[in-house]
Amino acid sequence: MATSSFFNPTISFPSRNPKLQSSPKFRNPILRIPKATPDSSPSPPTNDSPPLSTLKNRRSADENIKDEAHRQRAASGEDRSNFSAKYVPFNAGLDSTECYSLDEIVYRSQSGGLLDIQHDREALKKYDGAYWRNLFDSRVGKSTWPYGSGVWSKKEWVLPEIDPDDIVGAFKGNSNLF
C-alpha cells in the first residue's frame, strides 16, 4: 500500500512570505503588527494609562518575578510569620501531644491513623473575614509571585511557614494569561 507524502513529517512547506523565513522577528506569522504610515496620526492621549506610582513599582526587564516579590516584601515590611500549622493525628483528643511539622515527611500517626492539619486559629482570628476575603480576592488572576496560582494565593492557609522564595509553582489555577 502506498503512503501519502502529505503525512510525512520530514516534508516542510515553505512560507509564501520570504520575510517570515529570514527574519527572527517574523517567526510567528499569526502575530501581525501594523506598520505606521506617514499619514497616520497618533491617537489622542487617554486617561487609561496606569498611574505613575504603579509604573515605579514595575520590575525591570532583567529582574525576575521572585526578585520583584522579595523587593516589594522588604519595602512594605510585610511579615505574616506569626501564622503556623502542623500535622496532628486525625480525630485526636485534646490531650494528644503528637504533632509533626509540615516540613516532615510523615504518612501516618504513631497509631497508624491518618493525619490532619491543624492551624493556629488564634493567629488567623486576628484578622476578620472581610480581611481574608479581600486578601484572597486581590490575588486571583494576578501574576504576583508566589500568589498567582490558585493554591499559593491562599498561602497563609496552605503552608504558612514556607518562605515565598522556596515556593515552586507554575501559576496554574485562577491565573491570567501573562
Protein backbone atom coordinates (compact mmCIF):
# COMPACT_ATOMS: atom_id res chain seq x y z
CA MET A 1 0.00 0.00 0.00
CA ALA A 2 1.44 3.35 -0.97
CA THR A 3 1.81 6.01 1.69
CA SER A 4 0.99 9.60 1.05
CA SER A 5 3.82 12.10 1.34
CA PHE A 6 1.29 14.56 2.78
CA PHE A 7 1.66 12.88 6.18
CA ASN A 8 5.44 12.52 6.02
CA PRO A 9 6.90 14.55 8.91
CA THR A 10 10.14 15.24 7.05
CA ILE A 11 8.38 17.38 4.49
CA SER A 12 8.18 21.06 5.33
CA PHE A 13 6.09 23.55 3.48
CA PRO A 14 7.86 26.80 2.66
CA SER A 15 6.19 30.00 3.66
CA ARG A 16 4.80 32.22 0.95
CA ASN A 17 6.42 35.25 2.52
CA PRO A 18 10.26 35.24 2.36
CA LYS A 19 10.42 37.69 5.32
CA LEU A 20 8.90 35.04 7.56
CA GLN A 21 11.76 32.66 6.80
CA SER A 22 14.69 35.04 7.14
CA SER A 23 13.85 37.48 9.91
CA PRO A 24 13.71 36.28 13.55
CA LYS A 25 11.07 38.84 14.47
CA PHE A 26 8.65 37.32 11.95
CA ARG A 27 8.78 33.75 13.30
CA ASN A 28 5.08 33.69 14.22
CA PRO A 29 3.03 34.57 11.13
CA ILE A 30 -0.16 34.80 13.22
CA LEU A 31 1.11 37.83 15.11
CA ARG A 32 0.75 40.81 12.81
CA ILE A 33 1.77 44.27 13.93
CA PRO A 34 0.53 47.06 11.69
CA LYS A 35 3.16 49.46 10.46
CA ALA A 36 2.74 53.16 11.00
CA THR A 37 2.17 55.10 7.83
CA PRO A 38 3.21 58.71 7.22
CA ASP A 39 -0.42 59.83 7.03
CA SER A 40 -1.46 58.09 10.27
CA SER A 41 -1.84 60.41 13.20
CA PRO A 42 -1.04 59.44 16.78
CA SER A 43 -4.02 58.56 18.90
CA PRO A 44 -5.09 61.17 21.42
CA PRO A 45 -3.90 60.64 24.99
CA THR A 46 -6.33 58.86 27.27
CA ASN A 47 -6.75 58.57 30.99
CA ASP A 48 -6.43 54.77 30.73
CA SER A 49 -2.70 54.81 31.39
CA PRO A 50 -1.59 53.45 34.77
CA PRO A 51 -0.73 55.97 37.47
CA LEU A 52 2.90 56.92 37.91
CA SER A 53 3.09 55.11 41.27
CA THR A 54 2.20 51.83 39.52
CA LEU A 55 4.92 52.33 36.96
CA LYS A 56 7.55 52.90 39.65
CA ASN A 57 6.82 49.50 41.22
CA ARG A 58 7.19 47.55 38.00
CA ARG A 59 10.17 45.25 37.79
CA SER A 60 12.96 45.97 35.37
CA ALA A 61 13.36 43.72 32.36
CA ASP A 62 16.31 41.86 33.89
CA GLU A 63 14.64 41.24 37.27
CA ASN A 64 12.69 38.01 37.64
CA ILE A 65 9.29 37.78 39.29
CA LYS A 66 10.65 36.23 42.51
CA ASP A 67 13.19 39.04 42.94
CA GLU A 68 10.43 41.59 42.42
CA ALA A 69 8.25 39.97 45.09
CA HIS A 70 11.20 39.83 47.51
CA ARG A 71 11.93 43.52 46.90
CA GLN A 72 8.28 44.50 47.44
CA ARG A 73 8.02 42.46 50.65
CA ALA A 74 11.15 44.10 52.02
CA ALA A 75 9.88 47.58 51.09
CA SER A 76 6.45 47.04 52.66
CA GLY A 77 7.77 45.44 55.83
CA GLU A 78 5.21 42.65 55.33
CA ASP A 79 5.67 39.89 57.87
CA ARG A 80 2.99 37.30 58.43
CA SER A 81 5.33 34.78 60.01
CA ASN A 82 3.06 34.51 63.05
CA PHE A 83 0.84 32.00 61.21
CA SER A 84 1.61 28.34 61.74
CA ALA A 85 0.21 24.89 61.08
CA LYS A 86 1.17 21.32 61.98
CA TYR A 87 0.21 17.70 61.36
CA VAL A 88 -1.81 16.07 64.15
CA PRO A 89 -3.49 12.65 64.30
CA PHE A 90 -6.97 12.75 62.76
CA ASN A 91 -9.68 12.90 65.46
CA ALA A 92 -7.04 13.14 68.17
CA GLY A 93 -8.20 14.10 71.63
CA LEU A 94 -7.31 17.39 73.29
CA ASP A 95 -4.78 15.59 75.49
CA SER A 96 -2.77 14.29 72.48
CA THR A 97 0.70 15.81 72.18
CA GLU A 98 1.62 14.04 68.94
CA CYS A 99 2.33 16.56 66.19
CA TYR A 100 4.69 16.98 63.25
CA SER A 101 5.99 19.91 61.26
CA LEU A 102 4.54 20.32 57.78
CA ASP A 103 8.12 20.09 56.53
CA GLU A 104 8.42 16.50 57.76
CA ILE A 105 7.51 13.58 55.53
CA VAL A 106 5.04 11.63 57.65
CA TYR A 107 2.30 9.44 56.23
CA ARG A 108 0.57 8.11 59.35
CA SER A 109 0.32 8.84 63.06
CA GLN A 110 2.09 6.63 65.60
CA SER A 111 -1.09 4.59 65.96
CA GLY A 112 -1.29 4.09 62.18
CA GLY A 113 -4.14 6.55 61.70
CA LEU A 114 -4.45 9.39 59.24
CA LEU A 115 -3.03 12.85 59.84
CA ASP A 116 -4.87 16.14 59.79
CA ILE A 117 -3.55 19.67 59.52
CA GLN A 118 -4.20 21.93 62.48
CA HIS A 119 -3.82 25.68 62.03
CA ASP A 120 -3.13 28.21 64.74
CA ARG A 121 -6.66 29.58 64.66
CA GLU A 122 -5.94 32.27 67.23
CA ALA A 123 -3.38 33.84 64.89
CA LEU A 124 -5.81 33.58 61.96
CA LYS A 125 -8.62 35.15 64.02
CA LYS A 126 -6.57 38.32 64.48
CA TYR A 127 -7.89 39.26 61.03
CA ASP A 128 -11.61 39.31 60.32
CA GLY A 129 -13.39 37.53 57.46
CA ALA A 130 -13.54 40.67 55.33
CA TYR A 131 -9.74 40.95 55.51
CA TRP A 132 -9.25 37.36 54.30
CA ARG A 133 -11.83 37.73 51.51
CA ASN A 134 -10.22 40.95 50.29
CA LEU A 135 -6.72 39.48 50.51
CA PHE A 136 -7.59 36.32 48.57
CA ASP A 137 -9.77 38.15 46.05
CA SER A 138 -6.93 40.59 45.38
CA ARG A 139 -4.65 37.70 44.41
CA VAL A 140 -6.97 35.90 41.97
CA GLY A 141 -5.68 36.05 38.41
CA LYS A 142 -2.61 38.10 39.33
CA SER A 143 0.95 37.48 38.27
CA THR A 144 2.50 38.49 41.59
CA TRP A 145 4.90 35.86 42.91
CA PRO A 146 4.01 33.45 44.50
CA TYR A 147 0.31 34.26 44.70
CA GLY A 148 -0.51 33.72 41.02
CA SER A 149 -1.54 30.11 41.43
CA GLY A 150 -4.86 29.05 42.86
CA VAL A 151 -3.23 27.15 45.73
CA TRP A 152 -0.50 29.62 46.65
CA SER A 153 -2.92 32.54 46.55
CA LYS A 154 -4.03 31.18 49.92
CA LYS A 155 -0.51 30.59 51.22
CA GLU A 156 -1.38 31.62 54.78
CA TRP A 157 -3.88 28.76 54.96
CA VAL A 158 -1.92 26.18 52.94
CA LEU A 159 1.65 26.26 54.22
CA PRO A 160 2.03 29.45 56.24
CA GLU A 161 5.60 28.93 57.40
CA ILE A 162 7.18 28.48 53.97
CA ASP A 163 9.30 31.32 52.72
CA PRO A 164 7.91 32.64 49.41
CA ASP A 165 11.39 32.28 47.91
CA ASP A 166 11.12 28.50 48.41
CA ILE A 167 7.83 28.14 46.55
CA VAL A 168 7.89 26.43 43.18
CA GLY A 169 4.76 26.93 41.16
CA ALA A 170 3.56 27.14 37.60
CA PHE A 171 0.83 29.72 38.26
CA LYS A 172 -1.86 27.15 37.48
CA GLY A 173 -5.42 27.67 38.54
CA ASN A 174 -7.03 31.10 38.77
CA SER A 175 -4.22 32.54 36.68
CA ASN A 176 -4.39 35.03 33.90
CA LEU A 177 -2.63 34.51 30.59
CA PHE A 178 0.52 36.53 31.15
